[in-house]
Amino acid sequence: MPRSDEATTGRTAGEHPVTPDGRYFVVRGRLWRMSDPSLSEQRRQELVDKLMDARRQVAVAKRSGDEEGERNAHRLVNSAKEALGERGHVWWTDSMPDYNRHMARNTPYAEWYAGLDIEAG
């Protein structure tokens, strides 16, 4: 939960705003968990590469109608996202709940989000 004295930092993940505590980025009003910042850049890149390979496997399996291959590829996607800290157990240690996939306006980040100057998309 953002503290009331935290200013909007202007941090972004690509083109998407990042919450002041660095836990989420926002796409179309929805919070998405950031990767675990304790991962080394090398390890993070290895996991991102695995994630992208798994996503390609999902696409290939879908195009070929391989349902079992698609299920397996989705498991690989999930595994990579968990290793990155984007799913599964949270990577922060202050016992704050996870708001991954919640609409920002329905979370403790609502005031911060309302103060952003972003176009509806």
Protein backbone atom coordinates (compact mmCIF):
# COMPACT_ATOMS: atom_id res chain seq x y z
CA MET A 1 0.00 0.00 0.00
CA PRO A 2 1.44 3.37 -0.89
CA ARG A 3 2.18 5.71 2.00
CA SER A 4 0.30 8.98 1.95
CA ASP A 5 3.58 10.93 1.82
CA GLU A 6 4.84 9.14 -1.29
CA ALA A 7 4.81 11.33 -4.35
CA THR A 8 4.09 9.99 -7.78
CA THR A 9 7.54 8.95 -8.91
CA GLY A 10 6.95 8.97 -12.62
CA ARG A 11 8.56 5.52 -12.90
CA THR A 12 7.40 3.47 -15.83
CA ALA A 13 7.73 -0.10 -17.09
CA GLY A 14 8.01 0.61 -20.78
CA GLU A 15 5.12 2.98 -21.36
CA HIS A 16 3.19 1.86 -18.27
CA PRO A 17 3.20 3.66 -14.91
CA VAL A 18 4.72 1.84 -11.93
CA THR A 19 3.26 2.13 -8.43
CA PRO A 20 5.33 4.22 -6.00
CA ASP A 21 6.42 1.08 -4.12
CA GLY A 22 7.58 -0.59 -7.35
CA ARG A 23 5.38 -3.66 -6.94
CA TYR A 24 3.07 -3.21 -9.92
CA PHE A 25 2.78 -1.58 -13.31
CA VAL A 26 -0.61 -0.52 -14.66
CA VAL A 27 -2.14 -1.45 -18.01
CA ARG A 28 -5.62 -0.14 -18.81
CA GLY A 29 -6.28 0.44 -15.13
CA ARG A 30 -5.24 -3.04 -14.00
CA LEU A 31 -2.29 -3.78 -11.70
CA TRP A 32 0.27 -6.33 -12.90
CA ARG A 33 3.00 -7.54 -10.56
CA MET A 34 6.56 -6.50 -11.39
CA SER A 35 9.43 -8.98 -11.47
CA ASP A 36 11.31 -9.57 -8.24
CA PRO A 37 13.91 -6.79 -8.01
CA SER A 38 16.27 -9.05 -6.05
CA LEU A 39 16.90 -11.14 -9.18
CA SER A 40 20.21 -10.42 -10.85
CA GLU A 41 19.91 -8.94 -14.33
CA GLN A 42 21.43 -12.12 -15.77
CA ARG A 43 18.94 -14.39 -13.96
CA ARG A 44 16.02 -12.13 -14.84
CA GLN A 45 17.01 -12.23 -18.52
CA GLU A 46 17.35 -16.04 -18.44
CA LEU A 47 13.82 -16.29 -17.03
CA VAL A 48 12.43 -13.77 -19.53
CA ASP A 49 14.00 -15.82 -22.34
CA LYS A 50 12.35 -18.98 -20.95
CA LEU A 51 9.04 -17.12 -20.69
CA MET A 52 9.20 -15.94 -24.30
CA ASP A 53 10.14 -19.44 -25.51
CA ALA A 54 7.18 -20.88 -23.60
CA ARG A 55 4.82 -18.28 -25.08
CA ARG A 56 6.04 -19.21 -28.56
CA GLN A 57 5.37 -22.87 -27.72
CA VAL A 58 1.81 -21.94 -26.72
CA ALA A 59 1.29 -20.25 -30.09
CA VAL A 60 2.73 -23.17 -32.06
CA ALA A 61 0.61 -25.68 -30.14
CA LYS A 62 -2.54 -23.59 -30.66
CA ARG A 63 -1.93 -23.28 -34.39
CA SER A 64 -1.37 -27.02 -34.73
CA GLY A 65 -4.32 -27.98 -32.51
CA ASP A 66 -2.01 -29.78 -30.04
CA GLU A 67 -4.05 -29.48 -26.83
CA GLU A 68 -1.59 -31.41 -24.67
CA GLY A 69 1.32 -29.38 -26.04
CA GLU A 70 -0.60 -26.20 -25.32
CA ARG A 71 -1.30 -27.27 -21.72
CA ASN A 72 2.38 -28.11 -21.23
CA ALA A 73 3.45 -24.79 -22.73
CA HIS A 74 1.04 -22.91 -20.45
CA ARG A 75 2.62 -24.72 -17.48
CA LEU A 76 6.04 -23.52 -18.67
CA VAL A 77 4.72 -19.95 -18.94
CA ASN A 78 3.36 -20.14 -15.40
CA SER A 79 6.60 -21.62 -14.09
CA ALA A 80 8.67 -18.83 -15.65
CA LYS A 81 6.32 -16.14 -14.31
CA GLU A 82 6.49 -17.65 -10.82
CA ALA A 83 10.30 -17.73 -10.98
CA LEU A 84 10.26 -14.06 -12.04
CA GLY A 85 8.06 -13.25 -9.04
CA GLU A 86 5.14 -12.14 -11.21
CA ARG A 87 2.87 -14.94 -9.97
CA GLY A 88 2.75 -17.16 -6.92
CA HIS A 89 4.18 -16.03 -3.60
CA VAL A 90 4.90 -12.32 -3.37
CA TRP A 91 8.51 -11.17 -3.30
CA TRP A 92 8.03 -8.43 -0.71
CA THR A 93 8.32 -9.15 3.00
CA ASP A 94 6.11 -6.56 4.72
CA SER A 95 2.99 -8.80 4.75
CA MET A 96 1.02 -6.49 2.41
CA PRO A 97 -1.54 -8.39 0.32
CA ASP A 98 -1.14 -9.01 -3.38
CA TYR A 99 -3.29 -6.87 -5.69
CA ASN A 100 -2.06 -8.51 -8.90
CA ARG A 101 -4.70 -8.27 -11.65
CA HIS A 102 -6.95 -6.00 -9.55
CA MET A 103 -8.27 -2.76 -10.95
CA ALA A 104 -6.13 0.01 -9.46
CA ARG A 105 -9.20 2.07 -8.57
CA ASN A 106 -10.35 -0.74 -6.22
CA THR A 107 -7.09 -0.99 -4.27
CA PRO A 108 -5.05 1.11 -1.85
CA TYR A 109 -3.38 2.53 -4.99
CA ALA A 110 -6.62 4.25 -6.08
CA GLU A 111 -5.62 7.75 -5.00
CA TRP A 112 -2.20 7.44 -6.63
CA TYR A 113 -3.74 6.08 -9.83
CA ALA A 114 -6.41 8.80 -9.95
CA GLY A 115 -3.64 11.39 -9.80
CA LEU A 116 -1.86 10.09 -12.89
CA ASP A 117 -2.13 12.03 -16.11
CA ILE A 118 -2.85 9.13 -18.47
CA GLU A 119 -5.15 8.73 -21.41
CA ALA A 120 -7.86 6.11 -21.22
CA GLY A 121 -6.94 3.18 -23.38
